[in-house]
Amino acid sequence: MTVVLPVPPMPGPAPVTPALAGWWRRAAAVLLDDLVLAAVTWAGYGGGSPAVSLHPPSGFTAGAPRVGDPAPWAAAAVGAALLVLLLLQAYTGATPGKRVAGVAVVRADTGGPAGFLRTLARPFVNVVDSILLIGYLRPLWHPLRRTVADSALGTVAVVTRGPRWLPGWCPVPPRPSRASAAVTAAAVAVCVVGAVFAVPTATSGSVTTVGDPVACDVRVPAGVPDVGAAATLQRTGVESAERRAWVVRDLAPSGPGFDVAWSWTGSLGVGDVRVEARVSRAGDPGEEPTLITEQPRSAGPGAGAASLAAGPDGFTGLTPAGWVETSLVVDGRAVAACRVPGARLLDA
């Protein structure tokens, strides 16, 4: 009698355990996602508006404020972009930035997606990571390469693809399907668009006059000959525009700045002449006025003129309660002076 023993089944291949994602990959993913959110913020609010981020306190604020109010759809667009990133992270493990970097955040116990509640809580727990950035740097020495948020929420960051020849690197899957490749290509396109529109590629501007020149009442110090001096102040501003890819937007004018023009009909004698201006932004008695001056030049015989240009960038804080006082100085001595209230200059 022949007894046939059952043949034990052949053991299947051991499950492939994804490699833990390195710190640089995770940092690249955060950067790419922040660029996407910054581009959406710029589209709706313009430059100078801080962009939200899934990893506080990161987030871009690039460029100067634009002309006009935010677009009516700005808040909805930023909220929708943030929600899409949260949903992708919650149910696929990867935002566009993580997809491009080859990183997924999954549950440590099951290897599956973290789910919406864990993902929604993650930015709040990341606040702890942001304290001195210790939590964000923790993957550099933690055995499971976890941030504080990972440990608190039971997640881990794994590599989703990579070269097979790297020791210890287990790509998942080794050969991506066409659908997976298409999703990755879409993520790359989203990140490229985000990078292009998140940061200005070119900015141009020119100084222009604002309003009419303001004549001020000149006073002559005691003991100084009257040389028939007259002075005007002209408010100035900078009109500029920035380009991001093919889109050009006008920026909010910067300022105020001003030009001071002095003229005289008499003779200043032989010596060096220069124009000075002192600016009190708020008009407080205890405030130390800002002194602006130019290089002296030789005064010629008879009538003449001198000027001083104070750029807009240096006087953004000038208020109606402040003032601008200018002097015509010869050899270190003021021969004429006048003061213009900030309200009069700003309303010109």
C-alpha atoms as a PDB file:
ATOM      1  CA  MET A   1       0.000   0.000   0.000  1.00  0.00           C
ATOM      2  CA  THR A   2       1.378   3.343  -1.040  1.00  0.00           C
ATOM      3  CA  VAL A   3       0.786   6.353   1.140  1.00  0.00           C
ATOM      4  CA  VAL A   4       0.886   9.712  -0.620  1.00  0.00           C
ATOM      5  CA  LEU A   5       1.804  12.495   1.708  1.00  0.00           C
ATOM      6  CA  PRO A   6       0.563  16.030   0.898  1.00  0.00           C
ATOM      7  CA  VAL A   7       3.199  18.345  -0.423  1.00  0.00           C
ATOM      8  CA  PRO A   8       3.502  21.406   1.780  1.00  0.00           C
ATOM      9  CA  PRO A   9       2.851  24.628  -0.073  1.00  0.00           C
ATOM     10  CA  MET A  10       5.841  26.624  -1.178  1.00  0.00           C
ATOM     11  CA  PRO A  11       6.395  29.675   0.982  1.00  0.00           C
ATOM     12  CA  GLY A  12       5.447  32.887  -0.784  1.00  0.00           C
ATOM     13  CA  PRO A  13       7.749  35.803  -1.160  1.00  0.00           C
ATOM     14  CA  ALA A  14       8.360  37.758   1.989  1.00  0.00           C
ATOM     15  CA  PRO A  15       6.404  40.999   2.083  1.00  0.00           C
ATOM     16  CA  VAL A  16       8.376  44.015   1.014  1.00  0.00           C
ATOM     17  CA  THR A  17       8.692  46.536   3.784  1.00  0.00           C
ATOM     18  CA  PRO A  18       9.031  50.064   2.484  1.00  0.00           C
ATOM     19  CA  ALA A  19      12.142  51.913   3.540  1.00  0.00           C
ATOM     20  CA  LEU A  20      11.757  54.796   5.947  1.00  0.00           C
ATOM     21  CA  ALA A  21      11.819  58.188   4.263  1.00  0.00           C
ATOM     22  CA  GLY A  22      14.906  60.267   4.917  1.00  0.00           C
ATOM     23  CA  TRP A  23      14.857  63.770   6.289  1.00  0.00           C
ATOM     24  CA  TRP A  24      15.874  65.430   3.019  1.00  0.00           C
ATOM     25  CA  ARG A  25      13.016  63.796   1.126  1.00  0.00           C
ATOM     26  CA  ARG A  26      10.537  64.969   3.732  1.00  0.00           C
ATOM     27  CA  ALA A  27      11.959  68.492   3.698  1.00  0.00           C
ATOM     28  CA  ALA A  28      11.712  68.602  -0.103  1.00  0.00           C
ATOM     29  CA  ALA A  29       8.076  67.480   0.089  1.00  0.00           C
ATOM     30  CA  VAL A  30       7.227  70.235   2.587  1.00  0.00           C
ATOM     31  CA  LEU A  31       8.930  72.838   0.371  1.00  0.00           C
ATOM     32  CA  LEU A  32       7.000  71.745  -2.728  1.00  0.00           C
ATOM     33  CA  ASP A  33       3.640  71.756  -0.920  1.00  0.00           C
ATOM     34  CA  ASP A  34       4.328  75.208   0.517  1.00  0.00           C
ATOM     35  CA  LEU A  35       5.119  76.496  -2.974  1.00  0.00           C
ATOM     36  CA  VAL A  36       1.767  75.219  -4.231  1.00  0.00           C
ATOM     37  CA  LEU A  37      -0.126  76.945  -1.407  1.00  0.00           C
ATOM     38  CA  ALA A  38       1.929  80.129  -1.894  1.00  0.00           C
ATOM     39  CA  ALA A  39       1.009  80.212  -5.592  1.00  0.00           C
ATOM     40  CA  VAL A  40      -2.708  79.890  -4.806  1.00  0.00           C
ATOM     41  CA  THR A  41      -2.408  82.615  -2.155  1.00  0.00           C
ATOM     42  CA  TRP A  42      -0.662  84.931  -4.614  1.00  0.00           C
ATOM     43  CA  ALA A  43      -3.308  84.323  -7.276  1.00  0.00           C
ATOM     44  CA  GLY A  44      -6.055  85.478  -4.923  1.00  0.00           C
ATOM     45  CA  TYR A  45      -4.397  87.919  -2.535  1.00  0.00           C
ATOM     46  CA  GLY A  46      -1.280  89.076  -4.328  1.00  0.00           C
ATOM     47  CA  GLY A  47       2.271  89.258  -3.054  1.00  0.00           C
ATOM     48  CA  GLY A  48       3.092  90.100   0.534  1.00  0.00           C
ATOM     49  CA  SER A  49       0.287  87.885   1.866  1.00  0.00           C
ATOM     50  CA  PRO A  50       1.489  85.059   4.134  1.00  0.00           C
ATOM     51  CA  ALA A  51       0.533  81.667   2.750  1.00  0.00           C
ATOM     52  CA  VAL A  52      -0.917  78.927   4.928  1.00  0.00           C
ATOM     53  CA  SER A  53       1.032  75.729   5.396  1.00  0.00           C
ATOM     54  CA  LEU A  54       0.429  72.202   6.610  1.00  0.00           C
ATOM     55  CA  HIS A  55       3.692  72.485   8.524  1.00  0.00           C
ATOM     56  CA  PRO A  56       3.684  75.644  10.668  1.00  0.00           C
ATOM     57  CA  PRO A  57       5.538  77.939  10.897  1.00  0.00           C
ATOM     58  CA  SER A  58       6.688  77.380   7.310  1.00  0.00           C
ATOM     59  CA  GLY A  59       4.944  79.164   4.454  1.00  0.00           C
ATOM     60  CA  PHE A  60       6.055  81.669   1.854  1.00  0.00           C
ATOM     61  CA  THR A  61       5.537  85.419   1.764  1.00  0.00           C
ATOM     62  CA  ALA A  62       7.098  86.546  -1.494  1.00  0.00           C
ATOM     63  CA  GLY A  63       6.712  89.822  -3.338  1.00  0.00           C
ATOM     64  CA  ALA A  64       5.079  93.150  -2.576  1.00  0.00           C
ATOM     65  CA  PRO A  65       1.335  93.845  -2.144  1.00  0.00           C
ATOM     66  CA  ARG A  66      -0.570  94.305  -5.380  1.00  0.00           C
ATOM     67  CA  VAL A  67      -2.867  97.133  -6.418  1.00  0.00           C
ATOM     68  CA  GLY A  68      -6.516  96.700  -5.453  1.00  0.00           C
ATOM     69  CA  ASP A  69      -8.435  94.395  -3.157  1.00  0.00           C
ATOM     70  CA  PRO A  70      -8.085  90.607  -3.033  1.00  0.00           C
ATOM     71  CA  ALA A  71     -10.054  88.626  -5.591  1.00  0.00           C
ATOM     72  CA  PRO A  72     -13.568  87.721  -4.390  1.00  0.00           C
ATOM     73  CA  TRP A  73     -12.731  84.037  -4.693  1.00  0.00           C
ATOM     74  CA  ALA A  74      -9.391  84.283  -2.847  1.00  0.00           C
ATOM     75  CA  ALA A  75     -10.493  82.794   0.481  1.00  0.00           C
ATOM     76  CA  ALA A  76     -12.445  79.992  -1.221  1.00  0.00           C
ATOM     77  CA  ALA A  77      -9.468  79.108  -3.443  1.00  0.00           C
ATOM     78  CA  VAL A  78      -6.999  78.956  -0.565  1.00  0.00           C
ATOM     79  CA  GLY A  79      -9.456  76.945   1.545  1.00  0.00           C
ATOM     80  CA  ALA A  80     -10.119  74.522  -1.320  1.00  0.00           C
ATOM     81  CA  ALA A  81      -6.399  74.020  -1.971  1.00  0.00           C
ATOM     82  CA  LEU A  82      -5.784  73.340   1.708  1.00  0.00           C
ATOM     83  CA  LEU A  83      -8.698  70.886   1.851  1.00  0.00           C
ATOM     84  CA  VAL A  84      -7.481  69.021  -1.247  1.00  0.00           C
ATOM     85  CA  LEU A  85      -4.022  68.594   0.266  1.00  0.00           C
ATOM     86  CA  LEU A  86      -5.531  67.341   3.514  1.00  0.00           C
ATOM     87  CA  LEU A  87      -7.737  64.807   1.713  1.00  0.00           C
ATOM     88  CA  LEU A  88      -4.877  63.546  -0.450  1.00  0.00           C
ATOM     89  CA  GLN A  89      -2.698  63.156   2.624  1.00  0.00           C
ATOM     90  CA  ALA A  90      -5.489  61.461   4.575  1.00  0.00           C
ATOM     91  CA  TYR A  91      -6.576  58.880   1.989  1.00  0.00           C
ATOM     92  CA  THR A  92      -3.522  58.344  -0.234  1.00  0.00           C
ATOM     93  CA  GLY A  93      -0.724  59.231   2.178  1.00  0.00           C
ATOM     94  CA  ALA A  94       0.807  61.719  -0.239  1.00  0.00           C
ATOM     95  CA  THR A  95       0.243  65.335  -1.214  1.00  0.00           C
ATOM     96  CA  PRO A  96       1.615  66.518  -4.585  1.00  0.00           C
ATOM     97  CA  GLY A  97       4.902  67.461  -2.928  1.00  0.00           C
ATOM     98  CA  LYS A  98       5.203  64.082  -1.227  1.00  0.00           C
ATOM     99  CA  ARG A  99       4.274  62.303  -4.461  1.00  0.00           C
ATOM    100  CA  VAL A 100       7.084  64.058  -6.300  1.00  0.00           C
ATOM    101  CA  ALA A 101       9.557  63.425  -3.466  1.00  0.00           C
ATOM    102  CA  GLY A 102       8.531  59.771  -3.246  1.00  0.00           C
ATOM    103  CA  VAL A 103       7.217  59.936   0.312  1.00  0.00           C
ATOM    104  CA  ALA A 104       4.000  58.725   1.942  1.00  0.00           C
ATOM    105  CA  VAL A 105       2.810  59.206   5.513  1.00  0.00           C
ATOM    106  CA  VAL A 106       1.004  56.052   6.683  1.00  0.00           C
ATOM    107  CA  ARG A 107      -0.154  54.445   9.905  1.00  0.00           C
ATOM    108  CA  ALA A 108       2.670  52.681  11.675  1.00  0.00           C
ATOM    109  CA  ASP A 109       0.505  49.723  12.761  1.00  0.00           C
ATOM    110  CA  THR A 110      -1.266  48.901   9.475  1.00  0.00           C
ATOM    111  CA  GLY A 111       0.704  50.648   6.769  1.00  0.00           C
ATOM    112  CA  GLY A 112      -2.537  52.145   5.493  1.00  0.00           C
ATOM    113  CA  PRO A 113      -3.537  55.795   5.039  1.00  0.00           C
ATOM    114  CA  ALA A 114      -3.666  57.844   8.212  1.00  0.00           C
ATOM    115  CA  GLY A 115      -7.295  58.933   7.758  1.00  0.00           C
ATOM    116  CA  PHE A 116      -8.883  62.354   7.914  1.00  0.00           C
ATOM    117  CA  LEU A 117      -8.959  62.915  11.682  1.00  0.00           C
ATOM    118  CA  ARG A 118      -5.272  62.113  12.174  1.00  0.00           C
ATOM    119  CA  THR A 119      -4.372  64.221   9.167  1.00  0.00           C
ATOM    120  CA  LEU A 120      -6.511  67.116  10.361  1.00  0.00           C
ATOM    121  CA  ALA A 121      -4.832  67.006  13.773  1.00  0.00           C
ATOM    122  CA  ARG A 122      -1.359  66.867  12.277  1.00  0.00           C
ATOM    123  CA  PRO A 123      -0.836  70.626  11.590  1.00  0.00           C
ATOM    124  CA  PHE A 124      -1.816  71.390  15.185  1.00  0.00           C
ATOM    125  CA  VAL A 125       0.637  68.837  16.585  1.00  0.00           C
ATOM    126  CA  ASN A 126       3.264  70.233  14.206  1.00  0.00           C
ATOM    127  CA  VAL A 127       3.211  73.364  16.350  1.00  0.00           C
ATOM    128  CA  VAL A 128       5.134  71.299  18.905  1.00  0.00           C
ATOM    129  CA  ASP A 129       7.537  70.242  16.141  1.00  0.00           C
ATOM    130  CA  SER A 130       8.127  73.902  15.321  1.00  0.00           C
ATOM    131  CA  ILE A 131       9.465  74.761  18.806  1.00  0.00           C
ATOM    132  CA  LEU A 132      13.118  75.490  18.034  1.00  0.00           C
ATOM    133  CA  LEU A 133      12.539  73.160  15.030  1.00  0.00           C
ATOM    134  CA  ILE A 134      13.595  70.242  17.239  1.00  0.00           C
ATOM    135  CA  GLY A 135      10.585  68.137  16.275  1.00  0.00           C
ATOM    136  CA  TYR A 136      11.178  68.694  12.574  1.00  0.00           C
ATOM    137  CA  LEU A 137      14.853  67.736  12.967  1.00  0.00           C
ATOM    138  CA  ARG A 138      14.029  64.674  15.103  1.00  0.00           C
ATOM    139  CA  PRO A 139      13.974  62.245  12.110  1.00  0.00           C
ATOM    140  CA  LEU A 140      17.719  62.823  11.738  1.00  0.00           C
ATOM    141  CA  TRP A 141      18.405  60.771  14.885  1.00  0.00           C
ATOM    142  CA  HIS A 142      15.175  58.913  15.673  1.00  0.00           C
ATOM    143  CA  PRO A 143      15.419  55.162  14.844  1.00  0.00           C
ATOM    144  CA  LEU A 144      12.073  55.266  12.991  1.00  0.00           C
ATOM    145  CA  ARG A 145      12.756  58.742  11.575  1.00  0.00           C
ATOM    146  CA  ARG A 146       9.683  60.153  13.260  1.00  0.00           C
ATOM    147  CA  THR A 147       8.761  63.714  14.089  1.00  0.00           C
ATOM    148  CA  VAL A 148       6.864  64.468  17.285  1.00  0.00           C
ATOM    149  CA  ALA A 149       3.658  64.531  15.224  1.00  0.00           C
ATOM    150  CA  ASP A 150       4.453  61.063  13.855  1.00  0.00           C
ATOM    151  CA  SER A 151       4.902  59.630  17.348  1.00  0.00           C
ATOM    152  CA  ALA A 152       1.806  61.351  18.718  1.00  0.00           C
ATOM    153  CA  LEU A 153      -0.454  60.276  15.833  1.00  0.00           C
ATOM    154  CA  GLY A 154       1.009  56.824  15.234  1.00  0.00           C
ATOM    155  CA  THR A 155       2.319  57.504  11.726  1.00  0.00           C
ATOM    156  CA  VAL A 156       5.560  56.960   9.882  1.00  0.00           C
ATOM    157  CA  ALA A 157       6.955  58.328   6.613  1.00  0.00           C
ATOM    158  CA  VAL A 158       8.001  55.722   4.063  1.00  0.00           C
ATOM    159  CA  VAL A 159       9.611  55.780   0.635  1.00  0.00           C
ATOM    160  CA  THR A 160       7.231  55.032  -2.235  1.00  0.00           C
ATOM    161  CA  ARG A 161       9.780  54.675  -5.015  1.00  0.00           C
ATOM    162  CA  GLY A 162      13.500  54.766  -5.629  1.00  0.00           C
ATOM    163  CA  PRO A 163      16.417  53.165  -7.501  1.00  0.00           C
ATOM    164  CA  ARG A 164      16.678  49.418  -6.878  1.00  0.00           C
ATOM    165  CA  TRP A 165      20.458  49.480  -6.739  1.00  0.00           C
ATOM    166  CA  LEU A 166      20.623  51.511  -3.524  1.00  0.00           C
ATOM    167  CA  PRO A 167      21.364  49.209  -0.561  1.00  0.00           C
ATOM    168  CA  GLY A 168      18.401  48.862   1.785  1.00  0.00           C
ATOM    169  CA  TRP A 169      16.073  50.745  -0.540  1.00  0.00           C
ATOM    170  CA  CYS A 170      12.845  48.901  -1.268  1.00  0.00           C
ATOM    171  CA  PRO A 171      10.843  50.661  -3.977  1.00  0.00           C
ATOM    172  CA  VAL A 172       7.064  50.319  -3.748  1.00  0.00           C
ATOM    173  CA  PRO A 173       6.085  49.234  -6.343  1.00  0.00           C
ATOM    174  CA  PRO A 174       9.276  48.341  -8.284  1.00  0.00           C
ATOM    175  CA  ARG A 175       7.600  49.306 -11.550  1.00  0.00           C
ATOM    176  CA  PRO A 176       4.757  51.778 -11.224  1.00  0.00           C
ATOM    177  CA  SER A 177       1.648  51.207 -13.279  1.00  0.00           C
ATOM    178  CA  ARG A 178       0.542  53.611 -15.968  1.00  0.00           C
ATOM    179  CA  ALA A 179      -2.079  55.057 -13.639  1.00  0.00           C
ATOM    180  CA  SER A 180       0.512  55.614 -10.926  1.00  0.00           C
ATOM    181  CA  ALA A 181       2.885  57.231 -13.408  1.00  0.00           C
ATOM    182  CA  ALA A 182       0.091  59.524 -14.601  1.00  0.00           C
ATOM    183  CA  VAL A 183      -0.685  60.602 -11.028  1.00  0.00           C
ATOM    184  CA  THR A 184       2.999  61.298 -10.413  1.00  0.00           C
ATOM    185  CA  ALA A 185       3.194  63.320 -13.636  1.00  0.00           C
ATOM    186  CA  ALA A 186       0.177  65.362 -12.531  1.00  0.00           C
ATOM    187  CA  ALA A 187       1.811  65.977  -9.145  1.00  0.00           C
ATOM    188  CA  VAL A 188       4.990  67.130 -10.878  1.00  0.00           C
ATOM    189  CA  ALA A 189       2.962  69.552 -13.015  1.00  0.00           C
ATOM    190  CA  VAL A 190       1.193  70.969  -9.941  1.00  0.00           C
ATOM    191  CA  CYS A 191       4.497  71.480  -8.117  1.00  0.00           C
ATOM    192  CA  VAL A 192       6.119  73.121 -11.154  1.00  0.00           C
ATOM    193  CA  VAL A 193       3.213  75.562 -11.480  1.00  0.00           C
ATOM    194  CA  GLY A 194       3.431  76.252  -7.755  1.00  0.00           C
ATOM    195  CA  ALA A 195       7.160  76.953  -7.946  1.00  0.00           C
ATOM    196  CA  VAL A 196       6.722  79.246 -10.962  1.00  0.00           C
ATOM    197  CA  PHE A 197       3.994  81.389  -9.410  1.00  0.00           C
ATOM    198  CA  ALA A 198       5.171  81.370  -5.780  1.00  0.00           C
ATOM    199  CA  VAL A 199       8.218  83.595  -6.344  1.00  0.00           C
ATOM    200  CA  PRO A 200       8.567  86.707  -8.574  1.00  0.00           C
ATOM    201  CA  THR A 201      10.838  86.223 -11.568  1.00  0.00           C
ATOM    202  CA  ALA A 202      11.236  89.936 -12.358  1.00  0.00           C
ATOM    203  CA  THR A 203      10.285  93.298 -10.819  1.00  0.00           C
ATOM    204  CA  SER A 204      10.418  96.707 -12.471  1.00  0.00           C
ATOM    205  CA  GLY A 205       9.562 100.167 -11.184  1.00  0.00           C
ATOM    206  CA  SER A 206      10.045 103.892 -11.561  1.00  0.00           C
ATOM    207  CA  VAL A 207       9.829 106.930  -9.279  1.00  0.00           C
ATOM    208  CA  THR A 208       6.883 109.196 -10.087  1.00  0.00           C
ATOM    209  CA  THR A 209       5.556 112.433  -8.648  1.00  0.00           C
ATOM    210  CA  VAL A 210       2.345 112.381  -6.607  1.00  0.00           C
ATOM    211  CA  GLY A 211       0.118 115.465  -6.491  1.00  0.00           C
ATOM    212  CA  ASP A 212       1.327 119.066  -6.812  1.00  0.00           C
ATOM    213  CA  PRO A 213       4.504 120.615  -5.393  1.00  0.00           C
ATOM    214  CA  VAL A 214       4.078 122.161  -1.932  1.00  0.00           C
ATOM    215  CA  ALA A 215       5.636 125.570  -1.358  1.00  0.00           C
ATOM    216  CA  CYS A 216       6.721 126.248   2.210  1.00  0.00           C
ATOM    217  CA  ASP A 217       7.246 129.488   4.102  1.00  0.00           C
ATOM    218  CA  VAL A 218      10.965 130.109   4.301  1.00  0.00           C
ATOM    219  CA  ARG A 219      12.427 131.633   7.451  1.00  0.00           C
ATOM    220  CA  VAL A 220      15.875 133.171   7.663  1.00  0.00           C
ATOM    221  CA  PRO A 221      17.851 132.673  10.899  1.00  0.00           C
ATOM    222  CA  ALA A 222      18.766 135.808  12.827  1.00  0.00           C
ATOM    223  CA  GLY A 223      22.005 137.404  11.767  1.00  0.00           C
ATOM    224  CA  VAL A 224      22.046 135.686   8.376  1.00  0.00           C
ATOM    225  CA  PRO A 225      21.705 137.745   5.166  1.00  0.00           C
ATOM    226  CA  ASP A 226      18.563 137.059   3.167  1.00  0.00           C
ATOM    227  CA  VAL A 227      19.557 135.497  -0.159  1.00  0.00           C
ATOM    228  CA  GLY A 228      16.010 135.328  -1.543  1.00  0.00           C
ATOM    229  CA  ALA A 229      15.695 131.560  -0.993  1.00  0.00           C
ATOM    230  CA  ALA A 230      12.553 129.625  -1.891  1.00  0.00           C
ATOM    231  CA  ALA A 231      11.759 125.937  -1.386  1.00  0.00           C
ATOM    232  CA  THR A 232       9.192 123.412  -2.616  1.00  0.00           C
ATOM    233  CA  LEU A 233       8.574 119.811  -1.615  1.00  0.00           C
ATOM    234  CA  GLN A 234       7.207 117.289  -4.069  1.00  0.00           C
ATOM    235  CA  ARG A 235       5.760 114.006  -2.880  1.00  0.00           C
ATOM    236  CA  THR A 236       6.995 110.973  -4.786  1.00  0.00           C
ATOM    237  CA  GLY A 237       6.136 107.306  -5.010  1.00  0.00           C
ATOM    238  CA  VAL A 238       7.326 104.204  -6.817  1.00  0.00           C
ATOM    239  CA  GLU A 239       5.060 102.562  -9.369  1.00  0.00           C
ATOM    240  CA  SER A 240       6.200  99.028 -10.000  1.00  0.00           C
ATOM    241  CA  ALA A 241       5.085  95.718 -11.422  1.00  0.00           C
ATOM    242  CA  GLU A 242       6.190  92.139 -10.979  1.00  0.00           C
ATOM    243  CA  ARG A 243       6.230  89.202 -13.370  1.00  0.00           C
ATOM    244  CA  ARG A 244       5.557  85.607 -12.442  1.00  0.00           C
ATOM    245  CA  ALA A 245       5.816  83.379 -15.495  1.00  0.00           C
ATOM    246  CA  TRP A 246       3.675  85.140 -18.130  1.00  0.00           C
ATOM    247  CA  VAL A 247       1.518  87.070 -15.625  1.00  0.00           C
ATOM    248  CA  VAL A 248       2.389  90.732 -14.932  1.00  0.00           C
ATOM    249  CA  ARG A 249       0.692  92.568 -12.061  1.00  0.00           C
ATOM    250  CA  ASP A 250       0.918  96.156 -10.875  1.00  0.00           C
ATOM    251  CA  LEU A 251       2.107  96.475  -7.295  1.00  0.00           C
ATOM    252  CA  ALA A 252       0.840  98.871  -4.668  1.00  0.00           C
ATOM    253  CA  PRO A 253       2.808 102.144  -4.822  1.00  0.00           C
ATOM    254  CA  SER A 254       5.434 102.440  -2.121  1.00  0.00           C
ATOM    255  CA  GLY A 255       6.142 105.639  -0.253  1.00  0.00           C
ATOM    256  CA  PRO A 256       5.805 108.343   0.643  1.00  0.00           C
ATOM    257  CA  GLY A 257       9.055 109.862  -0.442  1.00  0.00           C
ATOM    258  CA  PHE A 258       9.725 113.461  -1.446  1.00  0.00           C
ATOM    259  CA  ASP A 259      11.994 115.708  -3.467  1.00  0.00           C
ATOM    260  CA  VAL A 260      13.185 119.028  -2.036  1.00  0.00           C
ATOM    261  CA  ALA A 261      14.050 121.846  -4.430  1.00  0.00           C
ATOM    262  CA  TRP A 262      15.777 125.059  -3.231  1.00  0.00           C
ATOM    263  CA  SER A 263      16.522 128.139  -5.291  1.00  0.00           C
ATOM    264  CA  TRP A 264      18.005 131.520  -4.425  1.00  0.00           C
ATOM    265  CA  THR A 265      18.359 134.840  -6.173  1.00  0.00           C
ATOM    266  CA  GLY A 266      21.143 136.357  -4.088  1.00  0.00           C
ATOM    267  CA  SER A 267      24.723 135.246  -3.652  1.00  0.00           C
ATOM    268  CA  LEU A 268      25.695 132.562  -1.150  1.00  0.00           C
ATOM    269  CA  GLY A 269      29.311 133.624  -1.286  1.00  0.00           C
ATOM    270  CA  VAL A 270      32.186 131.229  -1.667  1.00  0.00           C
ATOM    271  CA  GLY A 271      31.675 127.899   0.095  1.00  0.00           C
ATOM    272  CA  ASP A 272      30.054 124.492   0.014  1.00  0.00           C
ATOM    273  CA  VAL A 273      26.266 124.287  -0.196  1.00  0.00           C
ATOM    274  CA  ARG A 274      24.021 121.341   0.518  1.00  0.00           C
ATOM    275  CA  VAL A 275      20.350 120.591   1.234  1.00  0.00           C
ATOM    276  CA  GLU A 276      19.299 118.872   4.455  1.00  0.00           C
ATOM    277  CA  ALA A 277      15.946 117.438   5.503  1.00  0.00           C
ATOM    278  CA  ARG A 278      14.738 116.202   8.872  1.00  0.00           C
ATOM    279  CA  VAL A 279      11.709 113.928   9.068  1.00  0.00           C
ATOM    280  CA  SER A 280       9.557 113.364  12.125  1.00  0.00           C
ATOM    281  CA  ARG A 281       7.223 110.522  11.225  1.00  0.00           C
ATOM    282  CA  ALA A 282       4.763 110.941  14.108  1.00  0.00           C
ATOM    283  CA  GLY A 283       5.492 114.479  15.320  1.00  0.00           C
ATOM    284  CA  ASP A 284       6.221 113.346  18.891  1.00  0.00           C
ATOM    285  CA  PRO A 285       8.339 115.796  20.909  1.00  0.00           C
ATOM    286  CA  GLY A 286      10.527 112.933  22.125  1.00  0.00           C
ATOM    287  CA  GLU A 287      11.033 111.483  18.649  1.00  0.00           C
ATOM    288  CA  GLU A 288      14.480 111.836  17.139  1.00  0.00           C
ATOM    289  CA  PRO A 289      13.975 113.171  13.579  1.00  0.00           C
ATOM    290  CA  THR A 290      15.628 111.303  10.739  1.00  0.00           C
ATOM    291  CA  LEU A 291      18.313 113.356   8.999  1.00  0.00           C
ATOM    292  CA  ILE A 292      18.713 113.123   5.239  1.00  0.00           C
ATOM    293  CA  THR A 293      21.450 115.035   3.480  1.00  0.00           C
ATOM    294  CA  GLU A 294      23.417 115.114   0.263  1.00  0.00           C
ATOM    295  CA  GLN A 295      27.048 115.606  -0.583  1.00  0.00           C
ATOM    296  CA  PRO A 296      27.990 119.328  -0.521  1.00  0.00           C
ATOM    297  CA  ARG A 297      28.937 121.110  -3.712  1.00  0.00           C
ATOM    298  CA  SER A 298      30.605 124.422  -4.387  1.00  0.00           C
ATOM    299  CA  ALA A 299      28.327 127.439  -4.470  1.00  0.00           C
ATOM    300  CA  GLY A 300      28.736 129.711  -7.472  1.00  0.00           C
ATOM    301  CA  PRO A 301      28.274 133.467  -7.545  1.00  0.00           C
ATOM    302  CA  GLY A 302      24.762 134.828  -7.921  1.00  0.00           C
ATOM    303  CA  ALA A 303      21.537 132.860  -8.219  1.00  0.00           C
ATOM    304  CA  GLY A 304      21.436 129.092  -8.105  1.00  0.00           C
ATOM    305  CA  ALA A 305      19.498 125.966  -7.177  1.00  0.00           C
ATOM    306  CA  ALA A 306      20.019 122.740  -5.233  1.00  0.00           C
ATOM    307  CA  SER A 307      17.884 119.691  -4.591  1.00  0.00           C
ATOM    308  CA  LEU A 308      17.574 116.585  -2.469  1.00  0.00           C
ATOM    309  CA  ALA A 309      15.742 113.355  -3.308  1.00  0.00           C
ATOM    310  CA  ALA A 310      14.498 111.249  -0.398  1.00  0.00           C
ATOM    311  CA  GLY A 311      13.474 107.827  -1.686  1.00  0.00           C
ATOM    312  CA  PRO A 312      10.032 106.425  -0.856  1.00  0.00           C
ATOM    313  CA  ASP A 313      11.390 103.274   0.759  1.00  0.00           C
ATOM    314  CA  GLY A 314      12.901 105.226   3.630  1.00  0.00           C
ATOM    315  CA  PHE A 315       9.760 107.109   4.673  1.00  0.00           C
ATOM    316  CA  THR A 316       6.909 104.648   4.664  1.00  0.00           C
ATOM    317  CA  GLY A 317       6.016 105.631   8.231  1.00  0.00           C
ATOM    318  CA  LEU A 318       5.386 109.354   7.632  1.00  0.00           C
ATOM    319  CA  THR A 319       1.983 110.255   9.120  1.00  0.00           C
ATOM    320  CA  PRO A 320      -0.218 113.384   8.908  1.00  0.00           C
ATOM    321  CA  ALA A 321       0.915 114.299  12.442  1.00  0.00           C
ATOM    322  CA  GLY A 322       4.572 114.289  11.391  1.00  0.00           C
ATOM    323  CA  TRP A 323       6.528 116.928   9.516  1.00  0.00           C
ATOM    324  CA  VAL A 324       9.396 117.472   7.107  1.00  0.00           C
ATOM    325  CA  GLU A 325      11.835 120.305   7.778  1.00  0.00           C
ATOM    326  CA  THR A 326      14.409 121.285   5.191  1.00  0.00           C
ATOM    327  CA  SER A 327      17.384 123.637   5.353  1.00  0.00           C
ATOM    328  CA  LEU A 328      19.739 125.266   2.888  1.00  0.00           C
ATOM    329  CA  VAL A 329      23.183 124.927   4.431  1.00  0.00           C
ATOM    330  CA  VAL A 330      26.333 126.816   3.427  1.00  0.00           C
ATOM    331  CA  ASP A 331      29.642 125.817   5.043  1.00  0.00           C
ATOM    332  CA  GLY A 332      27.767 124.038   7.839  1.00  0.00           C
ATOM    333  CA  ARG A 333      25.486 127.009   8.636  1.00  0.00           C
ATOM    334  CA  ALA A 334      21.780 127.115   7.734  1.00  0.00           C
ATOM    335  CA  VAL A 335      20.966 130.248   5.701  1.00  0.00           C
ATOM    336  CA  ALA A 336      17.278 129.371   5.204  1.00  0.00           C
ATOM    337  CA  ALA A 337      14.836 126.773   6.514  1.00  0.00           C
ATOM    338  CA  CYS A 338      11.178 125.800   6.297  1.00  0.00           C
ATOM    339  CA  ARG A 339       8.844 123.108   7.639  1.00  0.00           C
ATOM    340  CA  VAL A 340       5.885 121.341   5.983  1.00  0.00           C
ATOM    341  CA  PRO A 341       3.353 119.377   8.088  1.00  0.00           C
ATOM    342  CA  GLY A 342       2.937 115.746   7.113  1.00  0.00           C
ATOM    343  CA  ALA A 343      -0.791 116.235   6.544  1.00  0.00           C
ATOM    344  CA  ARG A 344      -0.167 118.937   3.964  1.00  0.00           C
ATOM    345  CA  LEU A 345       2.482 116.909   2.160  1.00  0.00           C
ATOM    346  CA  LEU A 346       0.451 113.695   2.127  1.00  0.00           C
ATOM    347  CA  ASP A 347      -2.686 115.458   0.903  1.00  0.00           C
ATOM    348  CA  ALA A 348      -0.892 117.277  -1.893  1.00  0.00           C
END
